[in-house]
Amino acid sequence: MATAQAQEPSWQCDKSLVECLNHLFASGIACDVTFLVGEDKYRISAHKTILISRSPVFYTMFEGNLAEKGEIAIPDIEQEVFTMFLR
């Protein structure tokens, strides 16, 4: 039986953790939450685990008794501002 060798994508090789996380965010790889931001409901995808690890608000939002499900609308912030906040 032949064994398949896993090849690492070039974005993982010789990169820092921060660089890899930035790539995951920018490319949308493995995102598990979507925010609908601003009046135009611009879609921004993110990773719950990363958000939860850095914010008690996101922890409550995703893991509390009233955890959010599906897409989350945040109409009172501009897309550019929310994107910078997530980075």
N, C-alpha and C. Protein backbone atom coordinates (compact mmCIF):
# COMPACT_ATOMS: atom_id res chain seq x y z
N MET A 1 0.84 -1.19 0.00
CA MET A 1 0.00 0.00 0.00
C MET A 1 0.88 1.24 0.00
N ALA A 2 0.64 2.12 -0.90
CA ALA A 2 1.43 3.35 -0.99
C ALA A 2 0.96 4.34 0.05
N THR A 3 1.90 5.10 0.55
CA THR A 3 1.55 6.13 1.53
C THR A 3 1.65 7.49 0.86
N ALA A 4 0.70 8.30 1.15
CA ALA A 4 0.69 9.66 0.60
C ALA A 4 1.48 10.57 1.53
N GLN A 5 2.31 11.39 0.94
CA GLN A 5 3.05 12.35 1.74
C GLN A 5 2.27 13.66 1.76
N ALA A 6 2.10 14.17 2.97
CA ALA A 6 1.43 15.46 3.10
C ALA A 6 2.39 16.57 2.70
N GLN A 7 1.92 17.45 1.87
CA GLN A 7 2.74 18.59 1.49
C GLN A 7 2.18 19.83 2.16
N GLU A 8 3.07 20.56 2.80
CA GLU A 8 2.63 21.77 3.48
C GLU A 8 2.45 22.88 2.45
N PRO A 9 1.35 23.58 2.54
CA PRO A 9 1.20 24.76 1.68
C PRO A 9 2.31 25.77 1.97
N SER A 10 2.69 26.54 0.99
CA SER A 10 3.80 27.48 1.15
C SER A 10 3.53 28.54 2.21
N TRP A 11 2.28 28.82 2.51
CA TRP A 11 1.99 29.83 3.53
C TRP A 11 2.29 29.32 4.93
N GLN A 12 2.50 28.03 5.11
CA GLN A 12 2.81 27.48 6.44
C GLN A 12 4.31 27.35 6.68
N CYS A 13 5.08 27.21 5.63
CA CYS A 13 6.51 26.95 5.76
C CYS A 13 7.27 28.21 6.17
N ASP A 14 8.05 28.07 7.19
CA ASP A 14 8.93 29.16 7.65
C ASP A 14 8.20 30.46 7.95
N LYS A 15 6.97 30.38 8.38
CA LYS A 15 6.20 31.57 8.73
C LYS A 15 5.96 31.58 10.24
N SER A 16 5.79 32.77 10.78
CA SER A 16 5.47 32.88 12.20
C SER A 16 3.99 32.54 12.41
N LEU A 17 3.63 32.30 13.64
CA LEU A 17 2.23 32.03 13.97
C LEU A 17 1.34 33.19 13.55
N VAL A 18 1.80 34.40 13.80
CA VAL A 18 1.02 35.59 13.43
C VAL A 18 0.81 35.64 11.92
N GLU A 19 1.85 35.36 11.16
CA GLU A 19 1.73 35.36 9.70
C GLU A 19 0.73 34.30 9.22
N CYS A 20 0.78 33.12 9.84
CA CYS A 20 -0.16 32.05 9.46
C CYS A 20 -1.59 32.43 9.82
N LEU A 21 -1.80 33.01 10.99
CA LEU A 21 -3.14 33.42 11.40
C LEU A 21 -3.67 34.53 10.49
N ASN A 22 -2.81 35.46 10.11
CA ASN A 22 -3.23 36.51 9.17
C ASN A 22 -3.64 35.91 7.83
N HIS A 23 -2.91 34.91 7.37
CA HIS A 23 -3.26 34.25 6.11
C HIS A 23 -4.60 33.54 6.22
N LEU A 24 -4.82 32.82 7.33
CA LEU A 24 -6.10 32.14 7.52
C LEU A 24 -7.26 33.13 7.48
N PHE A 25 -7.10 34.26 8.16
CA PHE A 25 -8.16 35.28 8.19
C PHE A 25 -8.39 35.86 6.80
N ALA A 26 -7.30 36.23 6.13
CA ALA A 26 -7.42 36.88 4.81
C ALA A 26 -8.00 35.94 3.76
N SER A 27 -7.68 34.66 3.85
CA SER A 27 -8.13 33.70 2.84
C SER A 27 -9.46 33.04 3.19
N GLY A 28 -9.87 33.15 4.45
CA GLY A 28 -11.13 32.53 4.86
C GLY A 28 -11.04 31.04 5.14
N ILE A 29 -9.82 30.51 5.22
CA ILE A 29 -9.64 29.08 5.49
C ILE A 29 -10.13 28.76 6.90
N ALA A 30 -11.00 27.76 7.00
CA ALA A 30 -11.51 27.21 8.27
C ALA A 30 -12.31 28.21 9.11
N CYS A 31 -12.82 29.27 8.50
CA CYS A 31 -13.65 30.22 9.24
C CYS A 31 -14.95 29.53 9.67
N ASP A 32 -15.42 29.88 10.87
CA ASP A 32 -16.64 29.23 11.37
C ASP A 32 -17.67 30.21 11.92
N VAL A 33 -17.47 31.49 11.64
CA VAL A 33 -18.47 32.49 12.00
C VAL A 33 -18.44 33.59 10.93
N THR A 34 -19.61 34.14 10.63
CA THR A 34 -19.72 35.22 9.66
C THR A 34 -20.46 36.38 10.29
N PHE A 35 -19.86 37.57 10.17
CA PHE A 35 -20.48 38.80 10.64
C PHE A 35 -21.04 39.54 9.42
N LEU A 36 -22.21 40.13 9.57
CA LEU A 36 -22.81 40.99 8.55
C LEU A 36 -22.66 42.41 9.08
N VAL A 37 -21.74 43.16 8.47
CA VAL A 37 -21.28 44.41 9.05
C VAL A 37 -21.77 45.62 8.27
N GLY A 38 -22.19 46.65 9.00
CA GLY A 38 -22.62 47.90 8.40
C GLY A 38 -24.01 47.82 7.80
N GLU A 39 -24.44 48.95 7.26
CA GLU A 39 -25.77 49.03 6.65
C GLU A 39 -25.89 48.11 5.43
N ASP A 40 -24.77 47.90 4.73
CA ASP A 40 -24.78 47.06 3.52
C ASP A 40 -24.63 45.57 3.83
N LYS A 41 -24.49 45.23 5.10
CA LYS A 41 -24.34 43.84 5.55
C LYS A 41 -23.17 43.14 4.84
N TYR A 42 -22.01 43.82 4.86
CA TYR A 42 -20.80 43.25 4.27
C TYR A 42 -20.40 42.01 5.07
N ARG A 43 -20.11 40.91 4.38
CA ARG A 43 -19.80 39.63 5.04
C ARG A 43 -18.32 39.57 5.40
N ILE A 44 -18.04 39.34 6.69
CA ILE A 44 -16.68 39.14 7.16
C ILE A 44 -16.65 37.83 7.94
N SER A 45 -15.82 36.91 7.48
CA SER A 45 -15.70 35.61 8.15
C SER A 45 -14.52 35.63 9.11
N ALA A 46 -14.63 34.85 10.18
CA ALA A 46 -13.58 34.81 11.20
C ALA A 46 -13.57 33.44 11.87
N HIS A 47 -12.70 33.30 12.86
CA HIS A 47 -12.52 32.05 13.59
C HIS A 47 -12.93 32.25 15.05
N LYS A 48 -13.97 31.53 15.47
CA LYS A 48 -14.46 31.67 16.83
C LYS A 48 -13.38 31.42 17.88
N THR A 49 -12.57 30.40 17.68
CA THR A 49 -11.55 30.06 18.67
C THR A 49 -10.60 31.21 18.92
N ILE A 50 -10.18 31.88 17.86
CA ILE A 50 -9.28 33.02 18.00
C ILE A 50 -9.98 34.16 18.73
N LEU A 51 -11.21 34.46 18.35
CA LEU A 51 -11.96 35.54 18.98
C LEU A 51 -12.21 35.25 20.46
N ILE A 52 -12.60 34.02 20.77
CA ILE A 52 -12.87 33.62 22.16
C ILE A 52 -11.61 33.72 23.00
N SER A 53 -10.47 33.37 22.43
CA SER A 53 -9.22 33.36 23.20
C SER A 53 -8.77 34.75 23.60
N ARG A 54 -9.27 35.78 22.93
CA ARG A 54 -8.82 37.14 23.18
C ARG A 54 -9.87 38.08 23.75
N SER A 55 -11.12 37.61 23.89
CA SER A 55 -12.18 38.53 24.30
C SER A 55 -13.26 37.84 25.13
N PRO A 56 -13.51 38.36 26.35
CA PRO A 56 -14.62 37.80 27.14
C PRO A 56 -15.98 38.07 26.49
N VAL A 57 -16.09 39.12 25.72
CA VAL A 57 -17.35 39.42 25.02
C VAL A 57 -17.62 38.34 23.98
N PHE A 58 -16.60 38.01 23.18
CA PHE A 58 -16.79 36.95 22.18
C PHE A 58 -16.99 35.59 22.85
N TYR A 59 -16.32 35.36 23.98
CA TYR A 59 -16.54 34.10 24.70
C TYR A 59 -18.02 33.96 25.07
N THR A 60 -18.58 35.01 25.65
CA THR A 60 -19.99 34.98 26.03
C THR A 60 -20.88 34.86 24.80
N MET A 61 -20.52 35.56 23.74
CA MET A 61 -21.32 35.54 22.51
C MET A 61 -21.40 34.14 21.91
N PHE A 62 -20.30 33.38 21.97
CA PHE A 62 -20.26 32.08 21.30
C PHE A 62 -20.41 30.88 22.22
N GLU A 63 -20.14 31.03 23.51
CA GLU A 63 -20.14 29.89 24.42
C GLU A 63 -21.08 30.03 25.60
N GLY A 64 -21.67 31.19 25.79
CA GLY A 64 -22.56 31.41 26.93
C GLY A 64 -23.91 30.75 26.75
N ASN A 65 -24.77 30.93 27.74
CA ASN A 65 -26.11 30.35 27.71
C ASN A 65 -26.94 30.82 26.52
N LEU A 66 -26.68 32.04 26.07
CA LEU A 66 -27.43 32.60 24.94
C LEU A 66 -26.54 32.71 23.71
N ALA A 67 -25.74 31.69 23.46
CA ALA A 67 -24.76 31.71 22.37
C ALA A 67 -25.41 32.00 21.02
N GLU A 68 -24.74 32.87 20.27
CA GLU A 68 -25.20 33.23 18.93
C GLU A 68 -25.01 32.05 17.98
N LYS A 69 -25.93 31.90 17.07
CA LYS A 69 -25.84 30.86 16.05
C LYS A 69 -26.00 31.52 14.68
N GLY A 70 -25.35 30.96 13.69
CA GLY A 70 -25.48 31.48 12.33
C GLY A 70 -24.74 32.79 12.14
N GLU A 71 -25.22 33.60 11.23
CA GLU A 71 -24.60 34.88 10.93
C GLU A 71 -24.97 35.91 11.99
N ILE A 72 -24.01 36.80 12.27
CA ILE A 72 -24.21 37.80 13.31
C ILE A 72 -24.19 39.18 12.68
N ALA A 73 -25.29 39.90 12.81
CA ALA A 73 -25.41 41.24 12.23
C ALA A 73 -24.87 42.28 13.21
N ILE A 74 -24.00 43.16 12.70
CA ILE A 74 -23.49 44.30 13.46
C ILE A 74 -23.64 45.51 12.56
N PRO A 75 -24.82 46.15 12.57
CA PRO A 75 -25.10 47.21 11.61
C PRO A 75 -24.45 48.56 11.92
N ASP A 76 -23.99 48.75 13.15
CA ASP A 76 -23.54 50.09 13.55
C ASP A 76 -22.02 50.25 13.54
N ILE A 77 -21.33 49.55 12.65
CA ILE A 77 -19.88 49.71 12.49
C ILE A 77 -19.54 49.58 11.01
N GLU A 78 -18.53 50.32 10.59
CA GLU A 78 -18.10 50.26 9.19
C GLU A 78 -17.25 49.02 8.95
N GLN A 79 -17.34 48.49 7.76
CA GLN A 79 -16.61 47.27 7.39
C GLN A 79 -15.11 47.41 7.62
N GLU A 80 -14.53 48.53 7.22
CA GLU A 80 -13.08 48.72 7.37
C GLU A 80 -12.67 48.71 8.83
N VAL A 81 -13.46 49.34 9.68
CA VAL A 81 -13.15 49.42 11.11
C VAL A 81 -13.24 48.04 11.74
N PHE A 82 -14.28 47.28 11.42
CA PHE A 82 -14.44 45.95 12.00
C PHE A 82 -13.34 45.01 11.52
N THR A 83 -12.95 45.12 10.27
CA THR A 83 -11.85 44.29 9.75
C THR A 83 -10.56 44.60 10.49
N MET A 84 -10.26 45.88 10.70
CA MET A 84 -9.05 46.25 11.46
C MET A 84 -9.13 45.73 12.88
N PHE A 85 -10.29 45.80 13.50
CA PHE A 85 -10.49 45.29 14.85
C PHE A 85 -10.18 43.79 14.92
N LEU A 86 -10.64 43.03 13.95
CA LEU A 86 -10.41 41.59 13.95
C LEU A 86 -8.95 41.23 13.71
N ARG A 87 -8.25 42.04 12.96
CA ARG A 87 -6.84 41.75 12.69
C ARG A 87 -6.02 42.03 13.92
